[in-house]
Amino acid sequence: MSDNGNIVTREKVEKYLALTAEARIKATPITNNDEDHRRLESMLRMCDDYQNDARHFMENGDLVRAFGAINYAHAWIDASVRIGLMDGHGDDRLFTLP
Protein backbone atom coordinates (compact mmCIF):
# COMPACT_ATOMS: atom_id res chain seq x y z
CA MET A 1 0.00 0.00 0.00
CA SER A 2 1.46 3.36 -1.06
CA ASP A 3 1.10 6.50 1.02
CA ASN A 4 0.96 8.61 -2.16
CA GLY A 5 3.17 11.17 -0.43
CA ASN A 6 0.57 11.90 2.23
CA ILE A 7 2.60 10.66 5.19
CA VAL A 8 5.41 12.63 6.77
CA THR A 9 8.31 10.28 7.40
CA ARG A 10 11.77 10.87 8.76
CA GLU A 11 13.12 10.08 5.29
CA LYS A 12 10.91 12.77 3.75
CA VAL A 13 12.08 15.36 6.28
CA GLU A 14 15.70 14.35 5.68
CA LYS A 15 15.17 14.67 1.92
CA TYR A 16 13.95 18.24 2.32
CA LEU A 17 16.66 19.10 4.83
CA ALA A 18 19.21 18.03 2.21
CA LEU A 19 17.42 19.95 -0.56
CA THR A 20 17.37 23.12 1.51
CA ALA A 21 21.02 22.71 2.49
CA GLU A 22 21.87 22.35 -1.20
CA ALA A 23 19.92 25.52 -2.02
CA ARG A 24 21.58 27.40 0.85
CA ILE A 25 25.02 26.52 -0.56
CA LYS A 26 24.17 27.17 -4.22
CA ALA A 27 22.55 30.59 -3.90
CA THR A 28 25.04 33.45 -3.78
CA PRO A 29 24.46 37.02 -2.59
CA ILE A 30 24.03 39.76 -5.16
CA THR A 31 23.19 42.66 -2.86
CA ASN A 32 24.16 46.09 -4.09
CA ASN A 33 23.84 48.22 -0.98
CA ASP A 34 23.87 48.09 2.81
CA GLU A 35 20.07 47.99 3.11
CA ASP A 36 19.80 44.98 0.77
CA HIS A 37 22.67 43.31 2.59
CA ARG A 38 20.87 43.72 5.94
CA ARG A 39 17.63 42.40 4.44
CA LEU A 40 19.44 39.38 3.02
CA GLU A 41 21.21 38.66 6.32
CA SER A 42 17.83 38.67 8.05
CA MET A 43 16.31 36.32 5.48
CA LEU A 44 19.26 33.91 5.67
CA ARG A 45 19.09 33.94 9.47
CA MET A 46 15.42 32.94 9.21
CA CYS A 47 16.36 30.13 6.82
CA ASP A 48 19.05 28.87 9.17
CA ASP A 49 16.81 29.15 12.23
CA TYR A 50 14.02 27.18 10.58
CA GLN A 51 16.52 24.52 9.43
CA ASN A 52 17.67 24.17 13.02
CA ASP A 53 14.06 24.01 14.21
CA ALA A 54 13.33 21.26 11.68
CA ARG A 55 16.26 19.18 12.93
CA HIS A 56 15.18 19.73 16.53
CA PHE A 57 11.59 18.69 15.84
CA MET A 58 12.74 15.65 13.85
CA GLU A 59 15.08 14.50 16.60
CA ASN A 60 12.19 14.82 19.07
CA GLY A 61 9.89 12.74 16.88
CA ASP A 62 7.65 15.64 15.80
CA LEU A 63 7.82 14.99 12.07
CA VAL A 64 4.87 17.21 11.14
CA ARG A 65 6.46 20.29 12.71
CA ALA A 66 9.84 19.28 11.26
CA PHE A 67 8.35 19.09 7.78
CA GLY A 68 6.65 22.46 8.21
CA ALA A 69 9.82 24.08 9.51
CA ILE A 70 12.02 22.84 6.69
CA ASN A 71 9.54 24.10 4.14
CA TYR A 72 9.59 27.52 5.80
CA ALA A 73 13.41 27.43 5.71
CA HIS A 74 13.42 26.71 2.00
CA ALA A 75 10.85 29.43 1.40
CA TRP A 76 13.15 32.06 2.93
CA ILE A 77 16.05 31.17 0.65
CA ASP A 78 13.75 30.80 -2.34
CA ALA A 79 12.27 34.24 -1.66
CA SER A 80 15.78 35.71 -1.46
CA VAL A 81 16.45 34.43 -4.97
CA ARG A 82 13.03 35.42 -6.26
CA ILE A 83 13.33 39.06 -5.15
CA GLY A 84 16.88 39.39 -6.47
CA LEU A 85 18.96 39.42 -3.29
CA MET A 86 20.62 36.14 -4.29
CA ASP A 87 21.54 34.44 -7.54
CA GLY A 88 20.05 30.97 -7.99
CA HIS A 89 22.32 30.33 -10.97
CA GLY A 90 19.43 29.27 -13.21
CA ASP A 91 18.50 26.29 -11.01
CA ASP A 92 14.74 25.94 -11.35
CA ARG A 93 14.79 22.70 -9.34
CA LEU A 94 15.92 24.48 -6.17
CA PHE A 95 14.40 27.91 -6.72
CA THR A 96 11.43 29.75 -8.14
CA LEU A 97 13.40 31.92 -10.52
CA PRO A 98 12.48 35.52 -11.29
C-alpha atoms as a PDB file:
ATOM      1  CA  MET A   1       0.000   0.000   0.000  1.00  0.00           C
ATOM      2  CA  SER A   2       1.458   3.362  -1.061  1.00  0.00           C
ATOM      3  CA  ASP A   3       1.099   6.497   1.025  1.00  0.00           C
ATOM      4  CA  ASN A   4       0.958   8.613  -2.157  1.00  0.00           C
ATOM      5  CA  GLY A   5       3.172  11.166  -0.425  1.00  0.00           C
ATOM      6  CA  ASN A   6       0.571  11.896   2.234  1.00  0.00           C
ATOM      7  CA  ILE A   7       2.599  10.664   5.194  1.00  0.00           C
ATOM      8  CA  VAL A   8       5.412  12.625   6.774  1.00  0.00           C
ATOM      9  CA  THR A   9       8.308  10.276   7.398  1.00  0.00           C
ATOM     10  CA  ARG A  10      11.773  10.870   8.764  1.00  0.00           C
ATOM     11  CA  GLU A  11      13.118  10.080   5.286  1.00  0.00           C
ATOM     12  CA  LYS A  12      10.911  12.765   3.748  1.00  0.00           C
ATOM     13  CA  VAL A  13      12.076  15.357   6.276  1.00  0.00           C
ATOM     14  CA  GLU A  14      15.702  14.353   5.682  1.00  0.00           C
ATOM     15  CA  LYS A  15      15.175  14.671   1.915  1.00  0.00           C
ATOM     16  CA  TYR A  16      13.945  18.243   2.316  1.00  0.00           C
ATOM     17  CA  LEU A  17      16.655  19.101   4.833  1.00  0.00           C
ATOM     18  CA  ALA A  18      19.207  18.027   2.212  1.00  0.00           C
ATOM     19  CA  LEU A  19      17.425  19.949  -0.557  1.00  0.00           C
ATOM     20  CA  THR A  20      17.367  23.123   1.514  1.00  0.00           C
ATOM     21  CA  ALA A  21      21.023  22.709   2.492  1.00  0.00           C
ATOM     22  CA  GLU A  22      21.866  22.349  -1.204  1.00  0.00           C
ATOM     23  CA  ALA A  23      19.918  25.515  -2.020  1.00  0.00           C
ATOM     24  CA  ARG A  24      21.581  27.400   0.850  1.00  0.00           C
ATOM     25  CA  ILE A  25      25.015  26.517  -0.562  1.00  0.00           C
ATOM     26  CA  LYS A  26      24.174  27.168  -4.217  1.00  0.00           C
ATOM     27  CA  ALA A  27      22.553  30.591  -3.900  1.00  0.00           C
ATOM     28  CA  THR A  28      25.040  33.452  -3.783  1.00  0.00           C
ATOM     29  CA  PRO A  29      24.458  37.020  -2.586  1.00  0.00           C
ATOM     30  CA  ILE A  30      24.028  39.764  -5.159  1.00  0.00           C
ATOM     31  CA  THR A  31      23.188  42.659  -2.856  1.00  0.00           C
ATOM     32  CA  ASN A  32      24.162  46.093  -4.095  1.00  0.00           C
ATOM     33  CA  ASN A  33      23.843  48.219  -0.979  1.00  0.00           C
ATOM     34  CA  ASP A  34      23.868  48.094   2.812  1.00  0.00           C
ATOM     35  CA  GLU A  35      20.068  47.986   3.111  1.00  0.00           C
ATOM     36  CA  ASP A  36      19.798  44.985   0.773  1.00  0.00           C
ATOM     37  CA  HIS A  37      22.670  43.311   2.592  1.00  0.00           C
ATOM     38  CA  ARG A  38      20.874  43.724   5.936  1.00  0.00           C
ATOM     39  CA  ARG A  39      17.630  42.400   4.438  1.00  0.00           C
ATOM     40  CA  LEU A  40      19.437  39.377   3.022  1.00  0.00           C
ATOM     41  CA  GLU A  41      21.210  38.665   6.320  1.00  0.00           C
ATOM     42  CA  SER A  42      17.829  38.671   8.054  1.00  0.00           C
ATOM     43  CA  MET A  43      16.312  36.317   5.484  1.00  0.00           C
ATOM     44  CA  LEU A  44      19.257  33.910   5.675  1.00  0.00           C
ATOM     45  CA  ARG A  45      19.092  33.940   9.470  1.00  0.00           C
ATOM     46  CA  MET A  46      15.419  32.940   9.210  1.00  0.00           C
ATOM     47  CA  CYS A  47      16.364  30.127   6.820  1.00  0.00           C
ATOM     48  CA  ASP A  48      19.049  28.865   9.165  1.00  0.00           C
ATOM     49  CA  ASP A  49      16.812  29.150  12.233  1.00  0.00           C
ATOM     50  CA  TYR A  50      14.022  27.181  10.575  1.00  0.00           C
ATOM     51  CA  GLN A  51      16.515  24.516   9.431  1.00  0.00           C
ATOM     52  CA  ASN A  52      17.672  24.172  13.022  1.00  0.00           C
ATOM     53  CA  ASP A  53      14.057  24.009  14.210  1.00  0.00           C
ATOM     54  CA  ALA A  54      13.328  21.258  11.677  1.00  0.00           C
ATOM     55  CA  ARG A  55      16.260  19.185  12.930  1.00  0.00           C
ATOM     56  CA  HIS A  56      15.184  19.728  16.534  1.00  0.00           C
ATOM     57  CA  PHE A  57      11.594  18.688  15.836  1.00  0.00           C
ATOM     58  CA  MET A  58      12.737  15.651  13.849  1.00  0.00           C
ATOM     59  CA  GLU A  59      15.075  14.496  16.603  1.00  0.00           C
ATOM     60  CA  ASN A  60      12.194  14.818  19.072  1.00  0.00           C
ATOM     61  CA  GLY A  61       9.888  12.744  16.879  1.00  0.00           C
ATOM     62  CA  ASP A  62       7.650  15.635  15.804  1.00  0.00           C
ATOM     63  CA  LEU A  63       7.817  14.992  12.071  1.00  0.00           C
ATOM     64  CA  VAL A  64       4.871  17.208  11.143  1.00  0.00           C
ATOM     65  CA  ARG A  65       6.459  20.291  12.707  1.00  0.00           C
ATOM     66  CA  ALA A  66       9.837  19.280  11.260  1.00  0.00           C
ATOM     67  CA  PHE A  67       8.346  19.093   7.775  1.00  0.00           C
ATOM     68  CA  GLY A  68       6.646  22.455   8.207  1.00  0.00           C
ATOM     69  CA  ALA A  69       9.818  24.083   9.508  1.00  0.00           C
ATOM     70  CA  ILE A  70      12.023  22.839   6.689  1.00  0.00           C
ATOM     71  CA  ASN A  71       9.536  24.104   4.136  1.00  0.00           C
ATOM     72  CA  TYR A  72       9.594  27.522   5.801  1.00  0.00           C
ATOM     73  CA  ALA A  73      13.411  27.426   5.713  1.00  0.00           C
ATOM     74  CA  HIS A  74      13.421  26.709   2.003  1.00  0.00           C
ATOM     75  CA  ALA A  75      10.851  29.434   1.396  1.00  0.00           C
ATOM     76  CA  TRP A  76      13.150  32.057   2.931  1.00  0.00           C
ATOM     77  CA  ILE A  77      16.051  31.168   0.646  1.00  0.00           C
ATOM     78  CA  ASP A  78      13.747  30.799  -2.343  1.00  0.00           C
ATOM     79  CA  ALA A  79      12.270  34.235  -1.665  1.00  0.00           C
ATOM     80  CA  SER A  80      15.778  35.713  -1.463  1.00  0.00           C
ATOM     81  CA  VAL A  81      16.446  34.425  -4.967  1.00  0.00           C
ATOM     82  CA  ARG A  82      13.032  35.423  -6.259  1.00  0.00           C
ATOM     83  CA  ILE A  83      13.332  39.059  -5.149  1.00  0.00           C
ATOM     84  CA  GLY A  84      16.881  39.394  -6.467  1.00  0.00           C
ATOM     85  CA  LEU A  85      18.964  39.415  -3.290  1.00  0.00           C
ATOM     86  CA  MET A  86      20.623  36.139  -4.295  1.00  0.00           C
ATOM     87  CA  ASP A  87      21.538  34.439  -7.542  1.00  0.00           C
ATOM     88  CA  GLY A  88      20.046  30.965  -7.993  1.00  0.00           C
ATOM     89  CA  HIS A  89      22.322  30.327 -10.967  1.00  0.00           C
ATOM     90  CA  GLY A  90      19.432  29.270 -13.209  1.00  0.00           C
ATOM     91  CA  ASP A  91      18.504  26.290 -11.015  1.00  0.00           C
ATOM     92  CA  ASP A  92      14.742  25.937 -11.354  1.00  0.00           C
ATOM     93  CA  ARG A  93      14.785  22.704  -9.339  1.00  0.00           C
ATOM     94  CA  LEU A  94      15.920  24.478  -6.172  1.00  0.00           C
ATOM     95  CA  PHE A  95      14.400  27.913  -6.721  1.00  0.00           C
ATOM     96  CA  THR A  96      11.426  29.752  -8.139  1.00  0.00           C
ATOM     97  CA  LEU A  97      13.401  31.916 -10.520  1.00  0.00           C
ATOM     98  CA  PRO A  98      12.476  35.519 -11.292  1.00  0.00           C
END
